[in-house]
Amino acid sequence: MTTAATPTTTGTTTWSIDPAHSLVEFAVKHLMISTVKGRFGDVKGTITYNESQPTQSKVQIEIATGSIDTRADQRDAHLRSPDFFDVERFPTMKFTSKRIEGDTTGEFKLIGDLTIRDQTREVVLDAEFQGKGKDPWGGERMGFEAKGKINRKEFGLTWNQALEAGGWLLGDDIKMSIEVELVKNAG
């Protein structure tokens, strides 16, 4: 991604997610004995970075629900169906930050609203700054990682199937892992 940011009089710059170097993954219990992992391939968003007060920065991320990939075509089709993400009606899920707590040059909390299937809930992500530097083409880049956990039922992802031996096919808790590389937008 080769967009760039303009510093403003308030000391903010805009950074765009480089989708080729970013990853959103998830993990859920399957059959109560193993974990299924997947990813979303279409991720975009921005960080409006406040240079003088980093905890006042803003994060917006949008993920195309149809870009889900669990390495199993039949399962992915089911996840795109109305039983789960219903990608025809809800083509994106979104995260919008509300506040940042802690030292943004190390480990910190990123608190914001996550919307899936028109259900919005506040989530807390454990985030970590990964570094900042110049790329070979003269641009500036920085990286962050974040992890969190949500209950899928709180977002309308309620489909499940009872197991003959007791329990459920799918766990309710979804672990999320997000790695983003950002490019400073040029002015």
C-alpha atoms as a PDB file:
ATOM      1  CA  MET A   1       0.000   0.000   0.000  1.00  0.00           C
ATOM      2  CA  THR A   2       1.560   3.319  -0.976  1.00  0.00           C
ATOM      3  CA  THR A   3      -0.713   5.923   0.586  1.00  0.00           C
ATOM      4  CA  ALA A   4       0.769   8.555   2.895  1.00  0.00           C
ATOM      5  CA  ALA A   5      -0.236  10.870   5.799  1.00  0.00           C
ATOM      6  CA  THR A   6      -0.229  14.565   6.329  1.00  0.00           C
ATOM      7  CA  PRO A   7       0.767  16.007   9.678  1.00  0.00           C
ATOM      8  CA  THR A   8      -1.796  18.514  10.881  1.00  0.00           C
ATOM      9  CA  THR A   9      -1.497  21.448  13.212  1.00  0.00           C
ATOM     10  CA  THR A  10      -2.668  19.184  16.050  1.00  0.00           C
ATOM     11  CA  GLY A  11       0.316  16.837  15.604  1.00  0.00           C
ATOM     12  CA  THR A  12      -1.610  13.904  14.171  1.00  0.00           C
ATOM     13  CA  THR A  13      -0.709  11.677  11.272  1.00  0.00           C
ATOM     14  CA  THR A  14      -2.733   9.027   9.486  1.00  0.00           C
ATOM     15  CA  TRP A  15      -1.396   5.521   8.968  1.00  0.00           C
ATOM     16  CA  SER A  16      -3.080   2.942   6.723  1.00  0.00           C
ATOM     17  CA  ILE A  17      -3.050  -0.812   7.219  1.00  0.00           C
ATOM     18  CA  ASP A  18      -0.902  -2.588   4.645  1.00  0.00           C
ATOM     19  CA  PRO A  19      -3.120  -5.626   3.912  1.00  0.00           C
ATOM     20  CA  ALA A  20      -0.256  -7.563   2.315  1.00  0.00           C
ATOM     21  CA  HIS A  21       1.623  -7.462   5.621  1.00  0.00           C
ATOM     22  CA  SER A  22      -1.249  -7.744   8.100  1.00  0.00           C
ATOM     23  CA  LEU A  23      -3.158 -10.702   9.491  1.00  0.00           C
ATOM     24  CA  VAL A  24      -6.366 -11.270  11.462  1.00  0.00           C
ATOM     25  CA  GLU A  25      -6.680 -14.800  12.832  1.00  0.00           C
ATOM     26  CA  PHE A  26      -9.125 -16.575  15.112  1.00  0.00           C
ATOM     27  CA  ALA A  27      -9.370 -19.866  16.992  1.00  0.00           C
ATOM     28  CA  VAL A  28     -12.389 -21.772  18.345  1.00  0.00           C
ATOM     29  CA  LYS A  29     -12.791 -25.103  20.129  1.00  0.00           C
ATOM     30  CA  HIS A  30     -14.177 -27.922  17.943  1.00  0.00           C
ATOM     31  CA  LEU A  31     -15.824 -31.069  19.328  1.00  0.00           C
ATOM     32  CA  MET A  32     -14.589 -29.920  22.757  1.00  0.00           C
ATOM     33  CA  ILE A  33     -11.236 -31.623  22.049  1.00  0.00           C
ATOM     34  CA  SER A  34      -9.390 -29.604  19.400  1.00  0.00           C
ATOM     35  CA  THR A  35      -9.035 -26.078  18.053  1.00  0.00           C
ATOM     36  CA  VAL A  36      -9.922 -24.855  14.565  1.00  0.00           C
ATOM     37  CA  LYS A  37      -8.054 -21.787  13.340  1.00  0.00           C
ATOM     38  CA  GLY A  38      -8.837 -19.448  10.509  1.00  0.00           C
ATOM     39  CA  ARG A  39      -8.084 -16.031   9.127  1.00  0.00           C
ATOM     40  CA  PHE A  40      -9.614 -13.130   7.275  1.00  0.00           C
ATOM     41  CA  GLY A  41      -7.730 -12.089   4.153  1.00  0.00           C
ATOM     42  CA  ASP A  42      -9.379  -8.718   3.458  1.00  0.00           C
ATOM     43  CA  VAL A  43      -8.461  -6.236   6.190  1.00  0.00           C
ATOM     44  CA  LYS A  44      -8.259  -2.458   5.898  1.00  0.00           C
ATOM     45  CA  GLY A  45      -8.221   0.476   8.244  1.00  0.00           C
ATOM     46  CA  THR A  46      -6.397   3.457   9.644  1.00  0.00           C
ATOM     47  CA  ILE A  47      -4.809   4.781  12.772  1.00  0.00           C
ATOM     48  CA  THR A  48      -4.977   8.500  13.366  1.00  0.00           C
ATOM     49  CA  TYR A  49      -1.873   8.833  15.498  1.00  0.00           C
ATOM     50  CA  ASN A  50      -1.605  11.699  17.964  1.00  0.00           C
ATOM     51  CA  GLU A  51       2.129  12.417  18.204  1.00  0.00           C
ATOM     52  CA  SER A  52       1.946  14.448  21.440  1.00  0.00           C
ATOM     53  CA  GLN A  53      -0.685  12.304  23.212  1.00  0.00           C
ATOM     54  CA  PRO A  54      -0.519   8.760  21.769  1.00  0.00           C
ATOM     55  CA  THR A  55      -3.320   7.508  24.057  1.00  0.00           C
ATOM     56  CA  GLN A  56      -5.623   9.942  22.221  1.00  0.00           C
ATOM     57  CA  SER A  57      -4.983   8.145  18.901  1.00  0.00           C
ATOM     58  CA  LYS A  58      -7.906   6.559  17.022  1.00  0.00           C
ATOM     59  CA  VAL A  59      -8.086   3.115  15.385  1.00  0.00           C
ATOM     60  CA  GLN A  60     -10.598   1.998  12.758  1.00  0.00           C
ATOM     61  CA  ILE A  61     -10.497  -1.469  11.194  1.00  0.00           C
ATOM     62  CA  GLU A  62     -12.854  -3.082   8.687  1.00  0.00           C
ATOM     63  CA  ILE A  63     -12.772  -6.785   7.817  1.00  0.00           C
ATOM     64  CA  ALA A  64     -14.632  -8.375   4.896  1.00  0.00           C
ATOM     65  CA  THR A  65     -16.508 -11.335   6.400  1.00  0.00           C
ATOM     66  CA  GLY A  66     -16.524 -13.127   3.044  1.00  0.00           C
ATOM     67  CA  SER A  67     -12.714 -13.308   3.149  1.00  0.00           C
ATOM     68  CA  ILE A  68     -12.819 -15.977   5.869  1.00  0.00           C
ATOM     69  CA  ASP A  69     -10.430 -18.883   5.288  1.00  0.00           C
ATOM     70  CA  THR A  70     -10.206 -21.982   7.493  1.00  0.00           C
ATOM     71  CA  ARG A  71      -8.558 -24.150   4.786  1.00  0.00           C
ATOM     72  CA  ALA A  72     -11.794 -26.109   4.306  1.00  0.00           C
ATOM     73  CA  ASP A  73     -14.089 -24.930   1.479  1.00  0.00           C
ATOM     74  CA  GLN A  74     -17.239 -26.560   2.862  1.00  0.00           C
ATOM     75  CA  ARG A  75     -16.692 -25.091   6.337  1.00  0.00           C
ATOM     76  CA  ASP A  76     -15.923 -21.652   4.872  1.00  0.00           C
ATOM     77  CA  ALA A  77     -19.169 -21.762   2.858  1.00  0.00           C
ATOM     78  CA  HIS A  78     -21.077 -22.604   6.050  1.00  0.00           C
ATOM     79  CA  LEU A  79     -19.363 -19.740   7.922  1.00  0.00           C
ATOM     80  CA  ARG A  80     -20.398 -17.326   5.139  1.00  0.00           C
ATOM     81  CA  SER A  81     -24.040 -18.538   5.330  1.00  0.00           C
ATOM     82  CA  PRO A  82     -26.866 -17.048   7.447  1.00  0.00           C
ATOM     83  CA  ASP A  83     -25.980 -19.601  10.178  1.00  0.00           C
ATOM     84  CA  PHE A  84     -22.877 -17.522  10.953  1.00  0.00           C
ATOM     85  CA  PHE A  85     -21.614 -14.328   9.294  1.00  0.00           C
ATOM     86  CA  ASP A  86     -24.425 -14.010   6.715  1.00  0.00           C
ATOM     87  CA  VAL A  87     -22.060 -12.196   4.362  1.00  0.00           C
ATOM     88  CA  GLU A  88     -24.854 -11.177   1.990  1.00  0.00           C
ATOM     89  CA  ARG A  89     -26.506  -9.081   4.720  1.00  0.00           C
ATOM     90  CA  PHE A  90     -23.400  -8.244   6.768  1.00  0.00           C
ATOM     91  CA  PRO A  91     -20.399  -7.991   4.421  1.00  0.00           C
ATOM     92  CA  THR A  92     -18.089  -6.398   6.998  1.00  0.00           C
ATOM     93  CA  MET A  93     -17.249  -6.416  10.660  1.00  0.00           C
ATOM     94  CA  LYS A  94     -15.774  -3.280  12.190  1.00  0.00           C
ATOM     95  CA  PHE A  95     -13.679  -2.184  15.139  1.00  0.00           C
ATOM     96  CA  THR A  96     -13.595   1.447  16.282  1.00  0.00           C
ATOM     97  CA  SER A  97     -11.418   2.414  19.220  1.00  0.00           C
ATOM     98  CA  LYS A  98     -12.849   4.334  22.172  1.00  0.00           C
ATOM     99  CA  ARG A  99      -9.740   4.682  24.314  1.00  0.00           C
ATOM    100  CA  ILE A 100      -6.181   3.516  24.789  1.00  0.00           C
ATOM    101  CA  GLU A 101      -4.725   2.766  28.213  1.00  0.00           C
ATOM    102  CA  GLY A 102      -1.036   2.353  28.971  1.00  0.00           C
ATOM    103  CA  ASP A 103       2.252   2.989  27.232  1.00  0.00           C
ATOM    104  CA  THR A 104       1.764   2.859  23.450  1.00  0.00           C
ATOM    105  CA  THR A 105       5.505   2.273  22.964  1.00  0.00           C
ATOM    106  CA  GLY A 106       5.187  -1.060  24.782  1.00  0.00           C
ATOM    107  CA  GLU A 107       2.210  -3.085  25.983  1.00  0.00           C
ATOM    108  CA  PHE A 108      -1.168  -1.365  26.342  1.00  0.00           C
ATOM    109  CA  LYS A 109      -4.935  -1.903  26.280  1.00  0.00           C
ATOM    110  CA  LEU A 110      -6.947  -0.983  23.184  1.00  0.00           C
ATOM    111  CA  ILE A 111     -10.623  -0.624  24.072  1.00  0.00           C
ATOM    112  CA  GLY A 112     -13.265  -0.188  21.410  1.00  0.00           C
ATOM    113  CA  ASP A 113     -16.513  -1.248  19.823  1.00  0.00           C
ATOM    114  CA  LEU A 114     -16.559  -4.411  17.715  1.00  0.00           C
ATOM    115  CA  THR A 115     -19.531  -4.828  15.385  1.00  0.00           C
ATOM    116  CA  ILE A 116     -20.425  -8.218  13.887  1.00  0.00           C
ATOM    117  CA  ARG A 117     -23.852  -8.864  12.301  1.00  0.00           C
ATOM    118  CA  ASP A 118     -25.099  -5.453  13.513  1.00  0.00           C
ATOM    119  CA  GLN A 119     -24.324  -6.445  17.112  1.00  0.00           C
ATOM    120  CA  THR A 120     -21.910  -4.022  18.777  1.00  0.00           C
ATOM    121  CA  ARG A 121     -20.063  -4.827  21.989  1.00  0.00           C
ATOM    122  CA  GLU A 122     -17.121  -3.235  23.735  1.00  0.00           C
ATOM    123  CA  VAL A 123     -13.981  -5.371  23.613  1.00  0.00           C
ATOM    124  CA  VAL A 124     -10.590  -5.030  25.260  1.00  0.00           C
ATOM    125  CA  LEU A 125      -7.526  -6.028  23.267  1.00  0.00           C
ATOM    126  CA  ASP A 126      -4.081  -6.579  24.747  1.00  0.00           C
ATOM    127  CA  ALA A 127      -1.864  -4.712  22.308  1.00  0.00           C
ATOM    128  CA  GLU A 128       1.847  -4.318  21.826  1.00  0.00           C
ATOM    129  CA  PHE A 129       3.889  -1.885  19.743  1.00  0.00           C
ATOM    130  CA  GLN A 130       6.254  -3.832  17.456  1.00  0.00           C
ATOM    131  CA  GLY A 131       8.408  -1.008  16.150  1.00  0.00           C
ATOM    132  CA  LYS A 132       8.691   1.809  13.657  1.00  0.00           C
ATOM    133  CA  GLY A 133      11.107   2.434  10.780  1.00  0.00           C
ATOM    134  CA  LYS A 134      11.745   3.367   7.175  1.00  0.00           C
ATOM    135  CA  ASP A 135      11.058   0.966   4.330  1.00  0.00           C
ATOM    136  CA  PRO A 136      13.384   0.627   1.275  1.00  0.00           C
ATOM    137  CA  TRP A 137      11.167   3.003  -0.718  1.00  0.00           C
ATOM    138  CA  GLY A 138      11.421   5.946   1.689  1.00  0.00           C
ATOM    139  CA  GLY A 139       8.133   5.419   3.472  1.00  0.00           C
ATOM    140  CA  GLU A 140       7.570   5.123   7.188  1.00  0.00           C
ATOM    141  CA  ARG A 141       6.056   1.986   8.706  1.00  0.00           C
ATOM    142  CA  MET A 142       5.074   0.772  12.138  1.00  0.00           C
ATOM    143  CA  GLY A 143       3.648  -2.436  13.505  1.00  0.00           C
ATOM    144  CA  PHE A 144       1.306  -3.555  16.265  1.00  0.00           C
ATOM    145  CA  GLU A 145      -0.008  -6.863  17.582  1.00  0.00           C
ATOM    146  CA  ALA A 146      -3.242  -7.326  19.524  1.00  0.00           C
ATOM    147  CA  LYS A 147      -4.974 -10.289  21.128  1.00  0.00           C
ATOM    148  CA  GLY A 148      -8.379 -10.709  22.669  1.00  0.00           C
ATOM    149  CA  LYS A 149     -11.301 -13.018  23.284  1.00  0.00           C
ATOM    150  CA  ILE A 150     -15.017 -12.644  22.578  1.00  0.00           C
ATOM    151  CA  ASN A 151     -18.107 -14.749  23.135  1.00  0.00           C
ATOM    152  CA  ARG A 152     -19.487 -15.397  19.648  1.00  0.00           C
ATOM    153  CA  LYS A 153     -23.092 -15.606  20.892  1.00  0.00           C
ATOM    154  CA  GLU A 154     -22.968 -11.948  21.958  1.00  0.00           C
ATOM    155  CA  PHE A 155     -22.578 -11.091  18.260  1.00  0.00           C
ATOM    156  CA  GLY A 156     -25.422 -13.232  16.929  1.00  0.00           C
ATOM    157  CA  LEU A 157     -23.164 -16.154  15.958  1.00  0.00           C
ATOM    158  CA  THR A 158     -25.332 -18.699  17.763  1.00  0.00           C
ATOM    159  CA  TRP A 159     -25.427 -21.750  15.460  1.00  0.00           C
ATOM    160  CA  ASN A 160     -24.261 -24.920  17.157  1.00  0.00           C
ATOM    161  CA  GLN A 161     -24.973 -28.637  17.217  1.00  0.00           C
ATOM    162  CA  ALA A 162     -25.302 -30.910  20.247  1.00  0.00           C
ATOM    163  CA  LEU A 163     -22.938 -33.868  20.379  1.00  0.00           C
ATOM    164  CA  GLU A 164     -24.251 -37.370  20.939  1.00  0.00           C
ATOM    165  CA  ALA A 165     -21.844 -37.878  23.847  1.00  0.00           C
ATOM    166  CA  GLY A 166     -22.792 -34.515  25.392  1.00  0.00           C
ATOM    167  CA  GLY A 167     -21.456 -31.027  24.865  1.00  0.00           C
ATOM    168  CA  TRP A 168     -21.417 -28.947  21.722  1.00  0.00           C
ATOM    169  CA  LEU A 169     -19.732 -28.990  18.329  1.00  0.00           C
ATOM    170  CA  LEU A 170     -18.360 -25.447  18.743  1.00  0.00           C
ATOM    171  CA  GLY A 171     -17.085 -23.525  21.723  1.00  0.00           C
ATOM    172  CA  ASP A 172     -18.511 -20.104  22.504  1.00  0.00           C
ATOM    173  CA  ASP A 173     -15.198 -18.309  23.056  1.00  0.00           C
ATOM    174  CA  ILE A 174     -13.291 -17.026  20.050  1.00  0.00           C
ATOM    175  CA  LYS A 175      -9.637 -16.087  20.492  1.00  0.00           C
ATOM    176  CA  MET A 176      -8.462 -13.326  18.159  1.00  0.00           C
ATOM    177  CA  SER A 177      -4.948 -12.435  17.077  1.00  0.00           C
ATOM    178  CA  ILE A 178      -4.265  -9.332  14.997  1.00  0.00           C
ATOM    179  CA  GLU A 179      -0.963  -8.286  13.457  1.00  0.00           C
ATOM    180  CA  VAL A 180      -0.853  -5.086  11.445  1.00  0.00           C
ATOM    181  CA  GLU A 181       1.816  -3.237   9.549  1.00  0.00           C
ATOM    182  CA  LEU A 182       0.930   0.368   8.839  1.00  0.00           C
ATOM    183  CA  VAL A 183       2.190   2.822   6.235  1.00  0.00           C
ATOM    184  CA  LYS A 184       2.320   6.511   7.039  1.00  0.00           C
ATOM    185  CA  ASN A 185       0.139   8.393   4.591  1.00  0.00           C
ATOM    186  CA  ALA A 186       2.053  11.069   2.618  1.00  0.00           C
ATOM    187  CA  GLY A 187       1.021  14.677   2.702  1.00  0.00           C
END
